[in-house]
């Protein structure tokens, strides 16, 4: 048995026993990507303060997705909010908000899995471009470039599903 060829080839449903069809692989095309909204505020310079040392950086990520009018097209927006504060206090150093949008053509994804696909795979495709924008804007704003750590979109999705389930349970349960 160990000598048997373990590779499989796709065959039409008619050639399969019992008419079983091969699973369709998801297909994704990035049709476009763009900055929908960008704001960078250099608070320290505006207030005439100098800044020394490593700031405390806070990064918040939000995701939105919606179906477009064209068949199989979706729009996914990654919303990023970055704030930097000095370690010695709560004085802000800079604040950045970025909405980065991607237009996707998606096929071969079952409807019951589409939401997860849109919230995990699409932002994952856009992340390197988003990271580059954040790095460039913070550098151009007078600070060392901020190189974002990888974002675990699977964990982010799971946390949001859990949060929504808890919110629904709280609404259903009488107080």
C-alpha atoms as a PDB file:
ATOM      1  CA  UNK A   1       0.000   0.000   0.000  1.00  0.00           C
ATOM      2  CA  UNK A   2       2.863   2.398   0.681  1.00  0.00           C
ATOM      3  CA  UNK A   3       3.803   2.339  -3.009  1.00  0.00           C
ATOM      4  CA  UNK A   4       0.426   3.679  -4.153  1.00  0.00           C
ATOM      5  CA  UNK A   5       0.289   7.127  -5.706  1.00  0.00           C
ATOM      6  CA  UNK A   6      -1.254   9.494  -3.135  1.00  0.00           C
ATOM      7  CA  UNK A   7      -1.983  12.314  -5.584  1.00  0.00           C
ATOM      8  CA  UNK A   8      -5.490  12.851  -6.825  1.00  0.00           C
ATOM      9  CA  UNK A   9      -6.749  14.468  -9.960  1.00  0.00           C
ATOM     10  CA  UNK A  10      -9.992  16.368 -10.332  1.00  0.00           C
ATOM     11  CA  UNK A  11     -12.549  14.411 -12.260  1.00  0.00           C
ATOM     12  CA  UNK A  12     -16.006  15.434 -13.359  1.00  0.00           C
ATOM     13  CA  UNK A  13     -18.980  14.375 -11.232  1.00  0.00           C
ATOM     14  CA  UNK A  14     -20.109  11.943 -13.956  1.00  0.00           C
ATOM     15  CA  UNK A  15     -16.835  10.002 -13.599  1.00  0.00           C
ATOM     16  CA  UNK A  16     -17.052   9.918  -9.797  1.00  0.00           C
ATOM     17  CA  UNK A  17     -18.746   7.030  -8.022  1.00  0.00           C
ATOM     18  CA  UNK A  18     -22.262   7.982  -6.908  1.00  0.00           C
ATOM     19  CA  UNK A  19     -22.000  11.231  -8.902  1.00  0.00           C
ATOM     20  CA  UNK A  20     -19.994  12.989  -6.124  1.00  0.00           C
ATOM     21  CA  UNK A  21     -18.440  16.257  -7.251  1.00  0.00           C
ATOM     22  CA  UNK A  22     -15.013  17.521  -6.277  1.00  0.00           C
ATOM     23  CA  UNK A  23     -15.115  20.472  -3.880  1.00  0.00           C
ATOM     24  CA  UNK A  24     -14.782  23.849  -5.563  1.00  0.00           C
ATOM     25  CA  UNK A  25     -11.735  25.809  -4.471  1.00  0.00           C
ATOM     26  CA  UNK A  26     -12.300  29.399  -3.342  1.00  0.00           C
ATOM     27  CA  UNK A  27     -11.192  32.010  -5.850  1.00  0.00           C
ATOM     28  CA  UNK A  28     -10.335  35.591  -4.954  1.00  0.00           C
ATOM     29  CA  UNK A  29      -9.283  38.521  -7.109  1.00  0.00           C
ATOM     30  CA  UNK A  30      -8.361  41.898  -5.701  1.00  0.00           C
ATOM     31  CA  UNK A  31     -10.082  44.288  -8.109  1.00  0.00           C
ATOM     32  CA  UNK A  32      -8.921  47.422  -6.346  1.00  0.00           C
ATOM     33  CA  UNK A  33      -7.641  48.835  -3.100  1.00  0.00           C
ATOM     34  CA  UNK A  34      -7.535  52.370  -1.823  1.00  0.00           C
ATOM     35  CA  UNK A  35      -7.398  54.669   1.170  1.00  0.00           C
ATOM     36  CA  UNK A  36     -10.951  55.708   1.974  1.00  0.00           C
ATOM     37  CA  UNK A  37      -9.991  57.961   4.897  1.00  0.00           C
ATOM     38  CA  UNK A  38      -6.678  58.964   6.464  1.00  0.00           C
ATOM     39  CA  UNK A  39      -5.960  61.285   9.352  1.00  0.00           C
ATOM     40  CA  UNK A  40      -2.608  61.872  11.058  1.00  0.00           C
ATOM     41  CA  UNK A  41      -2.280  64.345  13.871  1.00  0.00           C
ATOM     42  CA  UNK A  42       1.160  65.196  15.257  1.00  0.00           C
ATOM     43  CA  UNK A  43      -0.044  66.367  18.669  1.00  0.00           C
ATOM     44  CA  UNK A  44       3.393  66.778  20.256  1.00  0.00           C
ATOM     45  CA  UNK A  45       4.607  69.250  17.631  1.00  0.00           C
ATOM     46  CA  UNK A  46       1.314  71.178  17.658  1.00  0.00           C
ATOM     47  CA  UNK A  47       1.700  71.728  21.407  1.00  0.00           C
ATOM     48  CA  UNK A  48       5.401  72.625  21.085  1.00  0.00           C
ATOM     49  CA  UNK A  49       6.596  69.643  23.085  1.00  0.00           C
ATOM     50  CA  UNK A  50       9.613  67.541  22.371  1.00  0.00           C
ATOM     51  CA  UNK A  51       9.480  63.813  22.722  1.00  0.00           C
ATOM     52  CA  UNK A  52      12.165  61.457  24.009  1.00  0.00           C
ATOM     53  CA  UNK A  53      12.178  57.703  24.348  1.00  0.00           C
ATOM     54  CA  UNK A  54       9.876  54.901  23.261  1.00  0.00           C
ATOM     55  CA  UNK A  55       6.160  55.775  23.221  1.00  0.00           C
ATOM     56  CA  UNK A  56       3.304  53.513  24.288  1.00  0.00           C
ATOM     57  CA  UNK A  57       1.545  52.534  21.068  1.00  0.00           C
ATOM     58  CA  UNK A  58      -2.099  51.444  21.045  1.00  0.00           C
ATOM     59  CA  UNK A  59      -3.498  49.874  17.866  1.00  0.00           C
ATOM     60  CA  UNK A  60      -7.217  49.180  17.427  1.00  0.00           C
ATOM     61  CA  UNK A  61      -8.513  47.268  14.412  1.00  0.00           C
ATOM     62  CA  UNK A  62     -12.060  47.129  13.077  1.00  0.00           C
ATOM     63  CA  UNK A  63     -13.415  45.378  10.007  1.00  0.00           C
ATOM     64  CA  UNK A  64     -16.444  45.965   7.817  1.00  0.00           C
ATOM     65  CA  UNK A  65     -17.643  44.076   4.764  1.00  0.00           C
ATOM     66  CA  UNK A  66     -20.546  44.493   2.402  1.00  0.00           C
ATOM     67  CA  UNK A  67     -21.780  43.008  -0.834  1.00  0.00           C
ATOM     68  CA  UNK A  68     -21.584  45.210  -3.910  1.00  0.00           C
ATOM     69  CA  UNK A  69     -24.178  45.338  -6.666  1.00  0.00           C
ATOM     70  CA  UNK A  70     -22.021  43.357  -9.120  1.00  0.00           C
ATOM     71  CA  UNK A  71     -22.305  39.581  -8.802  1.00  0.00           C
ATOM     72  CA  UNK A  72     -19.654  38.074  -6.525  1.00  0.00           C
ATOM     73  CA  UNK A  73     -18.104  41.425  -5.601  1.00  0.00           C
ATOM     74  CA  UNK A  74     -17.502  42.544  -2.034  1.00  0.00           C
ATOM     75  CA  UNK A  75     -16.023  45.578  -0.345  1.00  0.00           C
ATOM     76  CA  UNK A  76     -13.941  45.042   2.786  1.00  0.00           C
ATOM     77  CA  UNK A  77     -12.696  47.923   4.937  1.00  0.00           C
ATOM     78  CA  UNK A  78      -9.959  47.623   7.544  1.00  0.00           C
ATOM     79  CA  UNK A  79     -10.280  50.452  10.070  1.00  0.00           C
ATOM     80  CA  UNK A  80      -7.129  51.181  11.987  1.00  0.00           C
ATOM     81  CA  UNK A  81      -6.730  53.583  14.897  1.00  0.00           C
ATOM     82  CA  UNK A  82      -3.216  54.138  16.226  1.00  0.00           C
ATOM     83  CA  UNK A  83      -2.386  56.348  19.196  1.00  0.00           C
ATOM     84  CA  UNK A  84       1.008  57.002  20.723  1.00  0.00           C
ATOM     85  CA  UNK A  85       1.475  58.377  24.227  1.00  0.00           C
ATOM     86  CA  UNK A  86       4.578  59.155  26.223  1.00  0.00           C
ATOM     87  CA  UNK A  87       5.491  56.692  28.931  1.00  0.00           C
ATOM     88  CA  UNK A  88       5.665  59.481  31.507  1.00  0.00           C
ATOM     89  CA  UNK A  89       2.018  60.468  31.223  1.00  0.00           C
ATOM     90  CA  UNK A  90      -1.148  60.431  29.244  1.00  0.00           C
ATOM     91  CA  UNK A  91      -0.079  63.188  26.873  1.00  0.00           C
ATOM     92  CA  UNK A  92      -0.677  62.063  23.279  1.00  0.00           C
ATOM     93  CA  UNK A  93       2.238  62.217  20.867  1.00  0.00           C
ATOM     94  CA  UNK A  94       0.403  61.362  17.672  1.00  0.00           C
ATOM     95  CA  UNK A  95      -2.897  59.905  16.520  1.00  0.00           C
ATOM     96  CA  UNK A  96      -3.635  58.184  13.231  1.00  0.00           C
ATOM     97  CA  UNK A  97      -6.853  56.860  11.771  1.00  0.00           C
ATOM     98  CA  UNK A  98      -6.905  54.915   8.530  1.00  0.00           C
ATOM     99  CA  UNK A  99      -9.743  53.259   6.606  1.00  0.00           C
ATOM    100  CA  UNK A 100      -8.232  51.026   3.934  1.00  0.00           C
ATOM    101  CA  UNK A 101     -10.643  49.483   1.462  1.00  0.00           C
ATOM    102  CA  UNK A 102     -10.391  46.537  -0.894  1.00  0.00           C
ATOM    103  CA  UNK A 103     -12.773  45.473  -3.659  1.00  0.00           C
ATOM    104  CA  UNK A 104     -12.812  41.706  -4.172  1.00  0.00           C
ATOM    105  CA  UNK A 105     -14.277  39.278  -6.690  1.00  0.00           C
ATOM    106  CA  UNK A 106     -14.949  36.057  -4.784  1.00  0.00           C
ATOM    107  CA  UNK A 107     -16.206  32.727  -6.046  1.00  0.00           C
ATOM    108  CA  UNK A 108     -16.380  29.166  -4.803  1.00  0.00           C
ATOM    109  CA  UNK A 109     -17.083  30.089  -1.186  1.00  0.00           C
ATOM    110  CA  UNK A 110     -20.262  28.631   0.336  1.00  0.00           C
ATOM    111  CA  UNK A 111     -22.693  31.281   1.543  1.00  0.00           C
ATOM    112  CA  UNK A 112     -22.505  30.047   5.143  1.00  0.00           C
ATOM    113  CA  UNK A 113     -18.713  30.609   5.119  1.00  0.00           C
ATOM    114  CA  UNK A 114     -18.661  33.914   3.234  1.00  0.00           C
ATOM    115  CA  UNK A 115     -18.713  36.164   6.323  1.00  0.00           C
ATOM    116  CA  UNK A 116     -15.671  34.456   7.841  1.00  0.00           C
ATOM    117  CA  UNK A 117     -13.881  34.515   4.477  1.00  0.00           C
ATOM    118  CA  UNK A 118     -14.518  38.241   4.062  1.00  0.00           C
ATOM    119  CA  UNK A 119     -13.379  39.061   7.603  1.00  0.00           C
ATOM    120  CA  UNK A 120     -10.259  36.881   7.595  1.00  0.00           C
ATOM    121  CA  UNK A 121      -8.864  36.262   4.117  1.00  0.00           C
ATOM    122  CA  UNK A 122      -9.605  39.633   2.528  1.00  0.00           C
ATOM    123  CA  UNK A 123      -7.978  41.759   5.278  1.00  0.00           C
ATOM    124  CA  UNK A 124      -5.047  39.337   5.276  1.00  0.00           C
ATOM    125  CA  UNK A 125      -4.501  40.098   1.580  1.00  0.00           C
ATOM    126  CA  UNK A 126      -4.600  43.863   2.201  1.00  0.00           C
ATOM    127  CA  UNK A 127      -2.479  43.924   5.361  1.00  0.00           C
ATOM    128  CA  UNK A 128       0.988  44.333   3.764  1.00  0.00           C
ATOM    129  CA  UNK A 129      -0.239  47.455   1.949  1.00  0.00           C
ATOM    130  CA  UNK A 130      -1.868  48.833   5.098  1.00  0.00           C
ATOM    131  CA  UNK A 131       1.349  48.204   7.047  1.00  0.00           C
ATOM    132  CA  UNK A 132       3.350  50.119   4.450  1.00  0.00           C
ATOM    133  CA  UNK A 133       1.008  53.118   4.601  1.00  0.00           C
ATOM    134  CA  UNK A 134       1.250  53.269   8.411  1.00  0.00           C
ATOM    135  CA  UNK A 135       5.032  53.063   8.223  1.00  0.00           C
ATOM    136  CA  UNK A 136       5.267  55.811   5.584  1.00  0.00           C
ATOM    137  CA  UNK A 137       2.809  58.167   7.286  1.00  0.00           C
ATOM    138  CA  UNK A 138       4.434  57.921  10.721  1.00  0.00           C
ATOM    139  CA  UNK A 139       7.872  58.460   9.173  1.00  0.00           C
ATOM    140  CA  UNK A 140       6.625  61.417   7.127  1.00  0.00           C
ATOM    141  CA  UNK A 141       4.995  62.750  10.315  1.00  0.00           C
ATOM    142  CA  UNK A 142       8.420  63.114  11.927  1.00  0.00           C
ATOM    143  CA  UNK A 143       8.643  59.862  13.881  1.00  0.00           C
ATOM    144  CA  UNK A 144      10.471  56.591  13.361  1.00  0.00           C
ATOM    145  CA  UNK A 145       8.430  54.390  10.996  1.00  0.00           C
ATOM    146  CA  UNK A 146       5.827  52.331  12.854  1.00  0.00           C
ATOM    147  CA  UNK A 147       6.063  48.757  11.588  1.00  0.00           C
ATOM    148  CA  UNK A 148       2.879  47.017  12.656  1.00  0.00           C
ATOM    149  CA  UNK A 149       3.073  43.478  13.964  1.00  0.00           C
ATOM    150  CA  UNK A 150       1.083  40.896  12.021  1.00  0.00           C
ATOM    151  CA  UNK A 151      -2.583  40.929  12.913  1.00  0.00           C
ATOM    152  CA  UNK A 152      -4.219  37.581  13.679  1.00  0.00           C
ATOM    153  CA  UNK A 153      -7.460  38.058  11.731  1.00  0.00           C
ATOM    154  CA  UNK A 154      -8.707  34.609  12.777  1.00  0.00           C
ATOM    155  CA  UNK A 155      -8.464  35.535  16.472  1.00  0.00           C
ATOM    156  CA  UNK A 156      -9.992  38.934  15.751  1.00  0.00           C
ATOM    157  CA  UNK A 157     -12.932  37.251  14.001  1.00  0.00           C
ATOM    158  CA  UNK A 158     -13.429  34.719  16.796  1.00  0.00           C
ATOM    159  CA  UNK A 159     -13.350  37.455  19.443  1.00  0.00           C
ATOM    160  CA  UNK A 160     -15.986  39.441  17.551  1.00  0.00           C
ATOM    161  CA  UNK A 161     -18.244  36.382  17.164  1.00  0.00           C
ATOM    162  CA  UNK A 162     -17.894  35.666  20.904  1.00  0.00           C
ATOM    163  CA  UNK A 163     -18.613  39.301  21.787  1.00  0.00           C
ATOM    164  CA  UNK A 164     -21.730  39.310  19.606  1.00  0.00           C
ATOM    165  CA  UNK A 165     -22.968  36.039  21.105  1.00  0.00           C
ATOM    166  CA  UNK A 166     -22.511  37.395  24.624  1.00  0.00           C
ATOM    167  CA  UNK A 167     -24.301  40.627  23.721  1.00  0.00           C
ATOM    168  CA  UNK A 168     -27.233  38.660  22.260  1.00  0.00           C
ATOM    169  CA  UNK A 169     -27.363  36.407  25.333  1.00  0.00           C
ATOM    170  CA  UNK A 170     -27.421  39.472  27.600  1.00  0.00           C
ATOM    171  CA  UNK A 171     -30.357  40.920  25.646  1.00  0.00           C
ATOM    172  CA  UNK A 172     -32.316  37.663  25.778  1.00  0.00           C
ATOM    173  CA  UNK A 173     -31.678  37.004  29.469  1.00  0.00           C
ATOM    174  CA  UNK A 174     -33.991  39.099  31.676  1.00  0.00           C
ATOM    175  CA  UNK A 175     -32.183  41.191  34.270  1.00  0.00           C
END
